[in-house]
Amino acid sequence: MNTLYINTKKIGKGLFIAHGFSCIISAESIGENFWVLQQVTVGSAHGGDPVIGNNVRVFAGAKVIGKIKIGNNVDVGANAVVVKDVPDNSTAVGVPARIIKRDIPTD
């Protein structure tokens, strides 16, 4: 698709792009099972690209911007703007994004 841009050298297995219309994906690295919907931007903001963990889902219209880390098992809600690190096992929503769900392992 001529509106899908991927500029990431290290991408884990299981990449899934549904409706890749108007997506820009420029990350330092992407873990396994990265799932992304339409009109998503993952990229830099004056200083570096994000690091995306395993089992991350980014919903329609979301932005993940800057030299930040998105942990494992994270959902980024539709139209969220993420400019800070998101810990493992979390859901981030809103503008700017905030954590609304965080599962803490009980081991």
PDB file of N, CA and C in Angstrom:
ATOM      1  N   MET A   1       0.846  -1.165   0.000  1.00  0.00           N
ATOM      2  CA  MET A   1       0.000   0.000   0.000  1.00  0.00           C
ATOM      3  C   MET A   1       0.897   1.236   0.000  1.00  0.00           C
ATOM      4  N   ASN A   2       0.599   2.198  -0.845  1.00  0.00           N
ATOM      5  CA  ASN A   2       1.502   3.341  -0.984  1.00  0.00           C
ATOM      6  C   ASN A   2       1.373   4.364   0.143  1.00  0.00           C
ATOM      7  N   THR A   3       0.524   4.122   1.118  1.00  0.00           N
ATOM      8  CA  THR A   3       0.445   5.017   2.277  1.00  0.00           C
ATOM      9  C   THR A   3       0.898   4.329   3.561  1.00  0.00           C
ATOM     10  N   LEU A   4       1.573   3.202   3.430  1.00  0.00           N
ATOM     11  CA  LEU A   4       2.110   2.465   4.572  1.00  0.00           C
ATOM     12  C   LEU A   4       3.626   2.570   4.518  1.00  0.00           C
ATOM     13  N   TYR A   5       4.216   3.156   5.559  1.00  0.00           N
ATOM     14  CA  TYR A   5       5.658   3.339   5.607  1.00  0.00           C
ATOM     15  C   TYR A   5       6.208   2.620   6.835  1.00  0.00           C
ATOM     16  N   ILE A   6       7.166   1.728   6.614  1.00  0.00           N
ATOM     17  CA  ILE A   6       7.804   1.022   7.720  1.00  0.00           C
ATOM     18  C   ILE A   6       9.304   1.262   7.627  1.00  0.00           C
ATOM     19  N   ASN A   7       9.853   1.891   8.657  1.00  0.00           N
ATOM     20  CA  ASN A   7      11.275   2.193   8.706  1.00  0.00           C
ATOM     21  C   ASN A   7      11.831   1.655  10.026  1.00  0.00           C
ATOM     22  N   THR A   8      11.788   0.337  10.167  1.00  0.00           N
ATOM     23  CA  THR A   8      12.252  -0.328  11.380  1.00  0.00           C
ATOM     24  C   THR A   8      13.052  -1.548  10.965  1.00  0.00           C
ATOM     25  N   LYS A   9      14.287  -1.618  11.379  1.00  0.00           N
ATOM     26  CA  LYS A   9      15.155  -2.721  10.951  1.00  0.00           C
ATOM     27  C   LYS A   9      14.936  -3.996  11.749  1.00  0.00           C
ATOM     28  N   LYS A  10      14.546  -3.890  13.016  1.00  0.00           N
ATOM     29  CA  LYS A  10      14.393  -5.070  13.858  1.00  0.00           C
ATOM     30  C   LYS A  10      12.921  -5.238  14.244  1.00  0.00           C
ATOM     31  N   ILE A  11      12.268  -6.212  13.597  1.00  0.00           N
ATOM     32  CA  ILE A  11      10.863  -6.496  13.858  1.00  0.00           C
ATOM     33  C   ILE A  11      10.730  -7.982  14.164  1.00  0.00           C
ATOM     34  N   GLY A  12      10.125  -8.306  15.291  1.00  0.00           N
ATOM     35  CA  GLY A  12       9.921  -9.698  15.684  1.00  0.00           C
ATOM     36  C   GLY A  12       8.871 -10.377  14.821  1.00  0.00           C
ATOM     37  N   LYS A  13       8.764 -11.683  14.976  1.00  0.00           N
ATOM     38  CA  LYS A  13       7.792 -12.436  14.185  1.00  0.00           C
ATOM     39  C   LYS A  13       6.369 -12.094  14.623  1.00  0.00           C
ATOM     40  N   GLY A  14       5.431 -12.321  13.734  1.00  0.00           N
ATOM     41  CA  GLY A  14       4.026 -12.137  14.063  1.00  0.00           C
ATOM     42  C   GLY A  14       3.500 -10.730  13.841  1.00  0.00           C
ATOM     43  N   LEU A  15       4.168  -9.911  13.025  1.00  0.00           N
ATOM     44  CA  LEU A  15       3.672  -8.568  12.716  1.00  0.00           C
ATOM     45  C   LEU A  15       2.322  -8.681  12.020  1.00  0.00           C
ATOM     46  N   PHE A  16       1.315  -7.944  12.501  1.00  0.00           N
ATOM     47  CA  PHE A  16      -0.018  -7.943  11.901  1.00  0.00           C
ATOM     48  C   PHE A  16      -0.463  -6.507  11.685  1.00  0.00           C
ATOM     49  N   ILE A  17      -0.696  -6.141  10.432  1.00  0.00           N
ATOM     50  CA  ILE A  17      -1.167  -4.806  10.098  1.00  0.00           C
ATOM     51  C   ILE A  17      -2.533  -4.957   9.437  1.00  0.00           C
ATOM     52  N   ALA A  18      -3.563  -4.493  10.122  1.00  0.00           N
ATOM     53  CA  ALA A  18      -4.913  -4.523   9.573  1.00  0.00           C
ATOM     54  C   ALA A  18      -5.231  -3.125   9.059  1.00  0.00           C
ATOM     55  N   HIS A  19      -5.637  -3.029   7.834  1.00  0.00           N
ATOM     56  CA  HIS A  19      -5.981  -1.716   7.258  1.00  0.00           C
ATOM     57  C   HIS A  19      -4.807  -0.752   7.399  1.00  0.00           C
ATOM     58  N   GLY A  20      -3.712  -1.019   6.753  1.00  0.00           N
ATOM     59  CA  GLY A  20      -2.488  -0.244   6.890  1.00  0.00           C
ATOM     60  C   GLY A  20      -2.543   1.147   6.307  1.00  0.00           C
ATOM     61  N   PHE A  21      -3.725   1.628   5.956  1.00  0.00           N
ATOM     62  CA  PHE A  21      -3.870   2.949   5.365  1.00  0.00           C
ATOM     63  C   PHE A  21      -3.297   4.039   6.262  1.00  0.00           C
ATOM     64  N   SER A  22      -2.445   4.837   5.709  1.00  0.00           N
ATOM     65  CA  SER A  22      -1.898   6.019   6.364  1.00  0.00           C
ATOM     66  C   SER A  22      -1.166   5.695   7.671  1.00  0.00           C
ATOM     67  N   CYS A  23      -0.349   4.638   7.663  1.00  0.00           N
ATOM     68  CA  CYS A  23       0.451   4.265   8.831  1.00  0.00           C
ATOM     69  C   CYS A  23       1.919   4.590   8.598  1.00  0.00           C
ATOM     70  N   ILE A  24       2.545   5.083   9.639  1.00  0.00           N
ATOM     71  CA  ILE A  24       3.982   5.320   9.634  1.00  0.00           C
ATOM     72  C   ILE A  24       4.534   4.585  10.843  1.00  0.00           C
ATOM     73  N   ILE A  25       5.454   3.660  10.599  1.00  0.00           N
ATOM     74  CA  ILE A  25       6.043   2.871  11.684  1.00  0.00           C
ATOM     75  C   ILE A  25       7.556   3.025  11.610  1.00  0.00           C
ATOM     76  N   SER A  26       8.094   3.797  12.524  1.00  0.00           N
ATOM     77  CA  SER A  26       9.529   4.036  12.591  1.00  0.00           C
ATOM     78  C   SER A  26       9.952   3.865  14.046  1.00  0.00           C
ATOM     79  N   ALA A  27      10.354   2.656  14.386  1.00  0.00           N
ATOM     80  CA  ALA A  27      10.740   2.350  15.762  1.00  0.00           C
ATOM     81  C   ALA A  27      12.187   1.884  15.803  1.00  0.00           C
ATOM     82  N   GLU A  28      12.812   2.020  16.960  1.00  0.00           N
ATOM     83  CA  GLU A  28      14.157   1.485  17.137  1.00  0.00           C
ATOM     84  C   GLU A  28      14.108  -0.037  17.001  1.00  0.00           C
ATOM     85  N   SER A  29      13.087  -0.644  17.625  1.00  0.00           N
ATOM     86  CA  SER A  29      12.849  -2.074  17.477  1.00  0.00           C
ATOM     87  C   SER A  29      11.401  -2.368  17.848  1.00  0.00           C
ATOM     88  N   ILE A  30      10.909  -3.492  17.307  1.00  0.00           N
ATOM     89  CA  ILE A  30       9.548  -3.944  17.574  1.00  0.00           C
ATOM     90  C   ILE A  30       9.626  -5.411  17.947  1.00  0.00           C
ATOM     91  N   GLY A  31       8.995  -5.771  19.046  1.00  0.00           N
ATOM     92  CA  GLY A  31       8.991  -7.153  19.500  1.00  0.00           C
ATOM     93  C   GLY A  31       8.053  -8.031  18.702  1.00  0.00           C
ATOM     94  N   GLU A  32       7.806  -9.217  19.217  1.00  0.00           N
ATOM     95  CA  GLU A  32       6.948 -10.190  18.538  1.00  0.00           C
ATOM     96  C   GLU A  32       5.474  -9.814  18.701  1.00  0.00           C
ATOM     97  N   ASN A  33       4.703 -10.235  17.708  1.00  0.00           N
ATOM     98  CA  ASN A  33       3.244 -10.102  17.732  1.00  0.00           C
ATOM     99  C   ASN A  33       2.773  -8.651  17.873  1.00  0.00           C
ATOM    100  N   PHE A  34       3.389  -7.762  17.104  1.00  0.00           N
ATOM    101  CA  PHE A  34       2.964  -6.361  17.060  1.00  0.00           C
ATOM    102  C   PHE A  34       1.747  -6.266  16.156  1.00  0.00           C
ATOM    103  N   TRP A  35       0.697  -5.634  16.645  1.00  0.00           N
ATOM    104  CA  TRP A  35      -0.592  -5.571  15.968  1.00  0.00           C
ATOM    105  C   TRP A  35      -0.959  -4.106  15.841  1.00  0.00           C
ATOM    106  N   VAL A  36      -1.243  -3.644  14.605  1.00  0.00           N
ATOM    107  CA  VAL A  36      -1.498  -2.219  14.380  1.00  0.00           C
ATOM    108  C   VAL A  36      -2.664  -2.036  13.403  1.00  0.00           C
ATOM    109  N   LEU A  37      -3.461  -1.004  13.656  1.00  0.00           N
ATOM    110  CA  LEU A  37      -4.583  -0.659  12.788  1.00  0.00           C
ATOM    111  C   LEU A  37      -4.276   0.605  11.990  1.00  0.00           C
ATOM    112  N   GLN A  38      -5.258   1.086  11.238  1.00  0.00           N
ATOM    113  CA  GLN A  38      -5.082   2.204  10.313  1.00  0.00           C
ATOM    114  C   GLN A  38      -4.775   3.524  11.013  1.00  0.00           C
ATOM    115  N   GLN A  39      -4.087   4.384  10.265  1.00  0.00           N
ATOM    116  CA  GLN A  39      -3.760   5.750  10.655  1.00  0.00           C
ATOM    117  C   GLN A  39      -2.968   5.847  11.956  1.00  0.00           C
ATOM    118  N   VAL A  40      -2.078   4.900  12.161  1.00  0.00           N
ATOM    119  CA  VAL A  40      -1.213   4.889  13.337  1.00  0.00           C
ATOM    120  C   VAL A  40       0.140   5.494  12.985  1.00  0.00           C
ATOM    121  N   THR A  41       0.680   6.263  13.910  1.00  0.00           N
ATOM    122  CA  THR A  41       2.028   6.810  13.758  1.00  0.00           C
ATOM    123  C   THR A  41       2.881   6.320  14.925  1.00  0.00           C
ATOM    124  N   VAL A  42       3.982   5.679  14.609  1.00  0.00           N
ATOM    125  CA  VAL A  42       4.986   5.285  15.580  1.00  0.00           C
ATOM    126  C   VAL A  42       6.274   5.912  15.088  1.00  0.00           C
ATOM    127  N   GLY A  43       6.838   6.839  15.861  1.00  0.00           N
ATOM    128  CA  GLY A  43       8.028   7.488  15.340  1.00  0.00           C
ATOM    129  C   GLY A  43       8.690   8.448  16.287  1.00  0.00           C
ATOM    130  N   SER A  44       9.600   9.218  15.718  1.00  0.00           N
ATOM    131  CA  SER A  44      10.462  10.069  16.516  1.00  0.00           C
ATOM    132  C   SER A  44       9.870  11.449  16.735  1.00  0.00           C
ATOM    133  N   ALA A  45      10.388  12.072  17.735  1.00  0.00           N
ATOM    134  CA  ALA A  45      10.067  13.462  18.034  1.00  0.00           C
ATOM    135  C   ALA A  45      11.337  14.096  18.575  1.00  0.00           C
ATOM    136  N   HIS A  46      12.198  14.515  17.680  1.00  0.00           N
ATOM    137  CA  HIS A  46      13.421  15.217  18.061  1.00  0.00           C
ATOM    138  C   HIS A  46      14.268  14.467  19.081  1.00  0.00           C
ATOM    139  N   GLY A  47      14.739  13.296  18.737  1.00  0.00           N
ATOM    140  CA  GLY A  47      15.639  12.640  19.653  1.00  0.00           C
ATOM    141  C   GLY A  47      15.569  11.135  19.695  1.00  0.00           C
ATOM    142  N   GLY A  48      14.794  10.508  18.862  1.00  0.00           N
ATOM    143  CA  GLY A  48      14.829   9.063  18.825  1.00  0.00           C
ATOM    144  C   GLY A  48      13.478   8.419  18.648  1.00  0.00           C
ATOM    145  N   ASP A  49      13.532   7.166  18.263  1.00  0.00           N
ATOM    146  CA  ASP A  49      12.339   6.379  18.005  1.00  0.00           C
ATOM    147  C   ASP A  49      12.005   5.497  19.197  1.00  0.00           C
ATOM    148  N   PRO A  50      10.739   5.086  19.324  1.00  0.00           N
ATOM    149  CA  PRO A  50      10.326   4.220  20.426  1.00  0.00           C
ATOM    150  C   PRO A  50      10.860   2.801  20.306  1.00  0.00           C
ATOM    151  N   VAL A  51      10.873   2.110  21.430  1.00  0.00           N
ATOM    152  CA  VAL A  51      11.143   0.676  21.491  1.00  0.00           C
ATOM    153  C   VAL A  51       9.818   0.038  21.879  1.00  0.00           C
ATOM    154  N   ILE A  52       9.369  -0.905  21.067  1.00  0.00           N
ATOM    155  CA  ILE A  52       8.082  -1.552  21.262  1.00  0.00           C
ATOM    156  C   ILE A  52       8.325  -2.984  21.734  1.00  0.00           C
ATOM    157  N   GLY A  53       7.682  -3.387  22.819  1.00  0.00           N
ATOM    158  CA  GLY A  53       7.845  -4.723  23.374  1.00  0.00           C
ATOM    159  C   GLY A  53       7.055  -5.777  22.621  1.00  0.00           C
ATOM    160  N   ASN A  54       6.908  -6.951  23.238  1.00  0.00           N
ATOM    161  CA  ASN A  54       6.159  -8.069  22.661  1.00  0.00           C
ATOM    162  C   ASN A  54       4.668  -7.931  22.977  1.00  0.00           C
ATOM    163  N   ASN A  55       3.856  -8.459  22.066  1.00  0.00           N
ATOM    164  CA  ASN A  55       2.404  -8.526  22.270  1.00  0.00           C
ATOM    165  C   ASN A  55       1.792  -7.150  22.514  1.00  0.00           C
ATOM    166  N   VAL A  56       2.143  -6.205  21.651  1.00  0.00           N
ATOM    167  CA  VAL A  56       1.621  -4.847  21.747  1.00  0.00           C
ATOM    168  C   VAL A  56       0.592  -4.638  20.649  1.00  0.00           C
ATOM    169  N   ARG A  57      -0.554  -4.039  21.026  1.00  0.00           N
ATOM    170  CA  ARG A  57      -1.597  -3.702  20.062  1.00  0.00           C
ATOM    171  C   ARG A  57      -1.800  -2.191  20.076  1.00  0.00           C
ATOM    172  N   VAL A  58      -1.770  -1.586  18.876  1.00  0.00           N
ATOM    173  CA  VAL A  58      -1.966  -0.150  18.746  1.00  0.00           C
ATOM    174  C   VAL A  58      -3.206   0.058  17.874  1.00  0.00           C
ATOM    175  N   PHE A  59      -4.231   0.670  18.446  1.00  0.00           N
ATOM    176  CA  PHE A  59      -5.507   0.798  17.771  1.00  0.00           C
ATOM    177  C   PHE A  59      -5.556   2.047  16.895  1.00  0.00           C
ATOM    178  N   ALA A  60      -6.587   2.140  16.077  1.00  0.00           N
ATOM    179  CA  ALA A  60      -6.729   3.145  15.021  1.00  0.00           C
ATOM    180  C   ALA A  60      -6.449   4.567  15.502  1.00  0.00           C
ATOM    181  N   GLY A  61      -5.637   5.271  14.715  1.00  0.00           N
ATOM    182  CA  GLY A  61      -5.382   6.677  14.941  1.00  0.00           C
ATOM    183  C   GLY A  61      -4.424   7.012  16.060  1.00  0.00           C
ATOM    184  N   ALA A  62      -3.883   6.021  16.742  1.00  0.00           N
ATOM    185  CA  ALA A  62      -2.994   6.287  17.879  1.00  0.00           C
ATOM    186  C   ALA A  62      -1.626   6.773  17.403  1.00  0.00           C
ATOM    187  N   LYS A  63      -0.962   7.514  18.277  1.00  0.00           N
ATOM    188  CA  LYS A  63       0.388   8.000  18.028  1.00  0.00           C
ATOM    189  C   LYS A  63       1.284   7.560  19.184  1.00  0.00           C
ATOM    190  N   VAL A  64       2.446   7.009  18.859  1.00  0.00           N
ATOM    191  CA  VAL A  64       3.464   6.628  19.841  1.00  0.00           C
ATOM    192  C   VAL A  64       4.717   7.379  19.416  1.00  0.00           C
ATOM    193  N   ILE A  65       5.075   8.407  20.175  1.00  0.00           N
ATOM    194  CA  ILE A  65       6.046   9.378  19.697  1.00  0.00           C
ATOM    195  C   ILE A  65       7.196   9.554  20.677  1.00  0.00           C
ATOM    196  N   GLY A  66       8.415   9.532  20.151  1.00  0.00           N
ATOM    197  CA  GLY A  66       9.597   9.860  20.931  1.00  0.00           C
ATOM    198  C   GLY A  66      10.406   8.659  21.355  1.00  0.00           C
ATOM    199  N   LYS A  67      11.485   8.926  22.037  1.00  0.00           N
ATOM    200  CA  LYS A  67      12.391   7.885  22.518  1.00  0.00           C
ATOM    201  C   LYS A  67      11.839   7.335  23.826  1.00  0.00           C
ATOM    202  N   ILE A  68      10.790   6.521  23.689  1.00  0.00           N
ATOM    203  CA  ILE A  68      10.107   5.947  24.845  1.00  0.00           C
ATOM    204  C   ILE A  68      10.071   4.436  24.704  1.00  0.00           C
ATOM    205  N   LYS A  69       9.652   3.777  25.780  1.00  0.00           N
ATOM    206  CA  LYS A  69       9.549   2.318  25.755  1.00  0.00           C
ATOM    207  C   LYS A  69       8.106   1.915  26.020  1.00  0.00           C
ATOM    208  N   ILE A  70       7.585   1.082  25.126  1.00  0.00           N
ATOM    209  CA  ILE A  70       6.276   0.483  25.306  1.00  0.00           C
ATOM    210  C   ILE A  70       6.540  -0.953  25.745  1.00  0.00           C
ATOM    211  N   GLY A  71       6.097  -1.303  26.942  1.00  0.00           N
ATOM    212  CA  GLY A  71       6.390  -2.613  27.517  1.00  0.00           C
ATOM    213  C   GLY A  71       5.694  -3.756  26.811  1.00  0.00           C
ATOM    214  N   ASN A  72       5.815  -4.936  27.374  1.00  0.00           N
ATOM    215  CA  ASN A  72       5.172  -6.137  26.838  1.00  0.00           C
ATOM    216  C   ASN A  72       3.701  -6.178  27.243  1.00  0.00           C
ATOM    217  N   ASN A  73       2.890  -6.768  26.382  1.00  0.00           N
ATOM    218  CA  ASN A  73       1.461  -6.971  26.670  1.00  0.00           C
ATOM    219  C   ASN A  73       0.742  -5.649  26.929  1.00  0.00           C
ATOM    220  N   VAL A  74       0.940  -4.704  26.020  1.00  0.00           N
ATOM    221  CA  VAL A  74       0.359  -3.367  26.159  1.00  0.00           C
ATOM    222  C   VAL A  74      -0.657  -3.130  25.050  1.00  0.00           C
ATOM    223  N   ASP A  75      -1.771  -2.481  25.408  1.00  0.00           N
ATOM    224  CA  ASP A  75      -2.744  -1.976  24.446  1.00  0.00           C
ATOM    225  C   ASP A  75      -2.675  -0.460  24.466  1.00  0.00           C
ATOM    226  N   VAL A  76      -2.622   0.134  23.267  1.00  0.00           N
ATOM    227  CA  VAL A  76      -2.693   1.583  23.120  1.00  0.00           C
ATOM    228  C   VAL A  76      -4.021   1.872  22.449  1.00  0.00           C
ATOM    229  N   GLY A  77      -4.900   2.582  23.144  1.00  0.00           N
ATOM    230  CA  GLY A  77      -6.254   2.818  22.677  1.00  0.00           C
ATOM    231  C   GLY A  77      -6.325   3.704  21.445  1.00  0.00           C
ATOM    232  N   ALA A  78      -7.469   3.637  20.776  1.00  0.00           N
ATOM    233  CA  ALA A  78      -7.712   4.437  19.571  1.00  0.00           C
ATOM    234  C   ALA A  78      -7.501   5.919  19.866  1.00  0.00           C
ATOM    235  N   ASN A  79      -6.773   6.573  18.979  1.00  0.00           N
ATOM    236  CA  ASN A  79      -6.484   8.012  19.027  1.00  0.00           C
ATOM    237  C   ASN A  79      -5.657   8.464  20.223  1.00  0.00           C
ATOM    238  N   ALA A  80      -5.104   7.545  20.991  1.00  0.00           N
ATOM    239  CA  ALA A  80      -4.232   7.924  22.110  1.00  0.00           C
ATOM    240  C   ALA A  80      -2.956   8.568  21.567  1.00  0.00           C
ATOM    241  N   VAL A  81      -2.383   9.448  22.364  1.00  0.00           N
ATOM    242  CA  VAL A  81      -1.097  10.057  22.030  1.00  0.00           C
ATOM    243  C   VAL A  81      -0.139   9.714  23.170  1.00  0.00           C
ATOM    244  N   VAL A  82       0.766   8.782  22.905  1.00  0.00           N
ATOM    245  CA  VAL A  82       1.682   8.272  23.926  1.00  0.00           C
ATOM    246  C   VAL A  82       3.029   8.964  23.767  1.00  0.00           C
ATOM    247  N   VAL A  83       3.446   9.683  24.810  1.00  0.00           N
ATOM    248  CA  VAL A  83       4.722  10.394  24.779  1.00  0.00           C
ATOM    249  C   VAL A  83       5.608  10.042  25.977  1.00  0.00           C
ATOM    250  N   LYS A  84       5.143   9.086  26.808  1.00  0.00           N
ATOM    251  CA  LYS A  84       5.917   8.614  27.958  1.00  0.00           C
ATOM    252  C   LYS A  84       5.926   7.095  27.953  1.00  0.00           C
ATOM    253  N   ASP A  85       6.881   6.512  28.665  1.00  0.00           N
ATOM    254  CA  ASP A  85       6.971   5.055  28.779  1.00  0.00           C
ATOM    255  C   ASP A  85       5.651   4.465  29.271  1.00  0.00           C
ATOM    256  N   VAL A  86       5.346   3.263  28.769  1.00  0.00           N
ATOM    257  CA  VAL A  86       4.166   2.521  29.221  1.00  0.00           C
ATOM    258  C   VAL A  86       4.681   1.193  29.777  1.00  0.00           C
ATOM    259  N   PRO A  87       4.368   0.877  31.038  1.00  0.00           N
ATOM    260  CA  PRO A  87       4.883  -0.353  31.646  1.00  0.00           C
ATOM    261  C   PRO A  87       4.207  -1.601  31.085  1.00  0.00           C
ATOM    262  N   ASP A  88       4.820  -2.754  31.337  1.00  0.00           N
ATOM    263  CA  ASP A  88       4.255  -4.040  30.936  1.00  0.00           C
ATOM    264  C   ASP A  88       2.819  -4.186  31.443  1.00  0.00           C
ATOM    265  N   ASN A  89       2.042  -4.966  30.691  1.00  0.00           N
ATOM    266  CA  ASN A  89       0.694  -5.376  31.113  1.00  0.00           C
ATOM    267  C   ASN A  89      -0.228  -4.195  31.393  1.00  0.00           C
ATOM    268  N   SER A  90      -0.200  -3.195  30.501  1.00  0.00           N
ATOM    269  CA  SER A  90      -0.972  -1.977  30.715  1.00  0.00           C
ATOM    270  C   SER A  90      -1.824  -1.633  29.502  1.00  0.00           C
ATOM    271  N   THR A  91      -2.794  -0.747  29.750  1.00  0.00           N
ATOM    272  CA  THR A  91      -3.593  -0.146  28.688  1.00  0.00           C
ATOM    273  C   THR A  91      -3.469   1.357  28.817  1.00  0.00           C
ATOM    274  N   ALA A  92      -3.121   2.029  27.715  1.00  0.00           N
ATOM    275  CA  ALA A  92      -2.944   3.478  27.705  1.00  0.00           C
ATOM    276  C   ALA A  92      -3.967   4.102  26.758  1.00  0.00           C
ATOM    277  N   VAL A  93      -4.655   5.151  27.230  1.00  0.00           N
ATOM    278  CA  VAL A  93      -5.660   5.835  26.413  1.00  0.00           C
ATOM    279  C   VAL A  93      -5.576   7.335  26.656  1.00  0.00           C
ATOM    280  N   GLY A  94      -6.146   8.104  25.737  1.00  0.00           N
ATOM    281  CA  GLY A  94      -6.304   9.540  25.926  1.00  0.00           C
ATOM    282  C   GLY A  94      -5.217  10.373  25.287  1.00  0.00           C
ATOM    283  N   VAL A  95      -5.411  11.707  25.443  1.00  0.00           N
ATOM    284  CA  VAL A  95      -4.489  12.699  24.893  1.00  0.00           C
ATOM    285  C   VAL A  95      -4.181  13.702  25.996  1.00  0.00           C
ATOM    286  N   PRO A  96      -2.992  13.717  26.542  1.00  0.00           N
ATOM    287  CA  PRO A  96      -1.944  12.709  26.367  1.00  0.00           C
ATOM    288  C   PRO A  96      -2.363  11.403  27.049  1.00  0.00           C
ATOM    289  N   ALA A  97      -1.755  10.331  26.614  1.00  0.00           N
ATOM    290  CA  ALA A  97      -2.150   9.007  27.110  1.00  0.00           C
ATOM    291  C   ALA A  97      -1.861   8.860  28.598  1.00  0.00           C
ATOM    292  N   ARG A  98      -2.761   8.141  29.261  1.00  0.00           N
ATOM    293  CA  ARG A  98      -2.588   7.797  30.672  1.00  0.00           C
ATOM    294  C   ARG A  98      -2.900   6.315  30.827  1.00  0.00           C
ATOM    295  N   ILE A  99      -2.391   5.723  31.858  1.00  0.00           N
ATOM    296  CA  ILE A  99      -2.607   4.303  32.112  1.00  0.00           C
ATOM    297  C   ILE A  99      -3.964   4.141  32.790  1.00  0.00           C
ATOM    298  N   ILE A 100      -4.845   3.331  32.183  1.00  0.00           N
ATOM    299  CA  ILE A 100      -6.143   3.092  32.819  1.00  0.00           C
ATOM    300  C   ILE A 100      -6.249   1.677  33.365  1.00  0.00           C
ATOM    301  N   LYS A 101      -5.338   0.815  32.947  1.00  0.00           N
ATOM    302  CA  LYS A 101      -5.345  -0.564  33.433  1.00  0.00           C
ATOM    303  C   LYS A 101      -3.902  -1.009  33.552  1.00  0.00           C
ATOM    304  N   ARG A 102      -3.597  -1.620  34.682  1.00  0.00           N
ATOM    305  CA  ARG A 102      -2.252  -2.149  34.868  1.00  0.00           C
ATOM    306  C   ARG A 102      -2.373  -3.436  35.669  1.00  0.00           C
ATOM    307  N   ASP A 103      -2.050  -4.534  35.028  1.00  0.00           N
ATOM    308  CA  ASP A 103      -2.080  -5.834  35.698  1.00  0.00           C
ATOM    309  C   ASP A 103      -0.728  -6.083  36.332  1.00  0.00           C
ATOM    310  N   ILE A 104      -0.731  -6.295  37.613  1.00  0.00           N
ATOM    311  CA  ILE A 104       0.504  -6.568  38.331  1.00  0.00           C
ATOM    312  C   ILE A 104       0.551  -8.058  38.614  1.00  0.00           C
ATOM    313  N   PRO A 105       1.582  -8.751  38.121  1.00  0.00           N
ATOM    314  CA  PRO A 105       1.678 -10.186  38.364  1.00  0.00           C
ATOM    315  C   PRO A 105       1.660 -10.506  39.865  1.00  0.00           C
ATOM    316  N   THR A 106       1.043 -11.622  40.226  1.00  0.00           N
ATOM    317  CA  THR A 106       0.955 -12.019  41.635  1.00  0.00           C
ATOM    318  C   THR A 106       1.949 -13.106  42.006  1.00  0.00           C
ATOM    319  N   ASP A 107       2.898 -13.397  41.132  1.00  0.00           N
ATOM    320  CA  ASP A 107       3.903 -14.442  41.411  1.00  0.00           C
ATOM    321  C   ASP A 107       4.744 -14.078  42.603  1.00  0.00           C
TER     322      ASP A 107
END
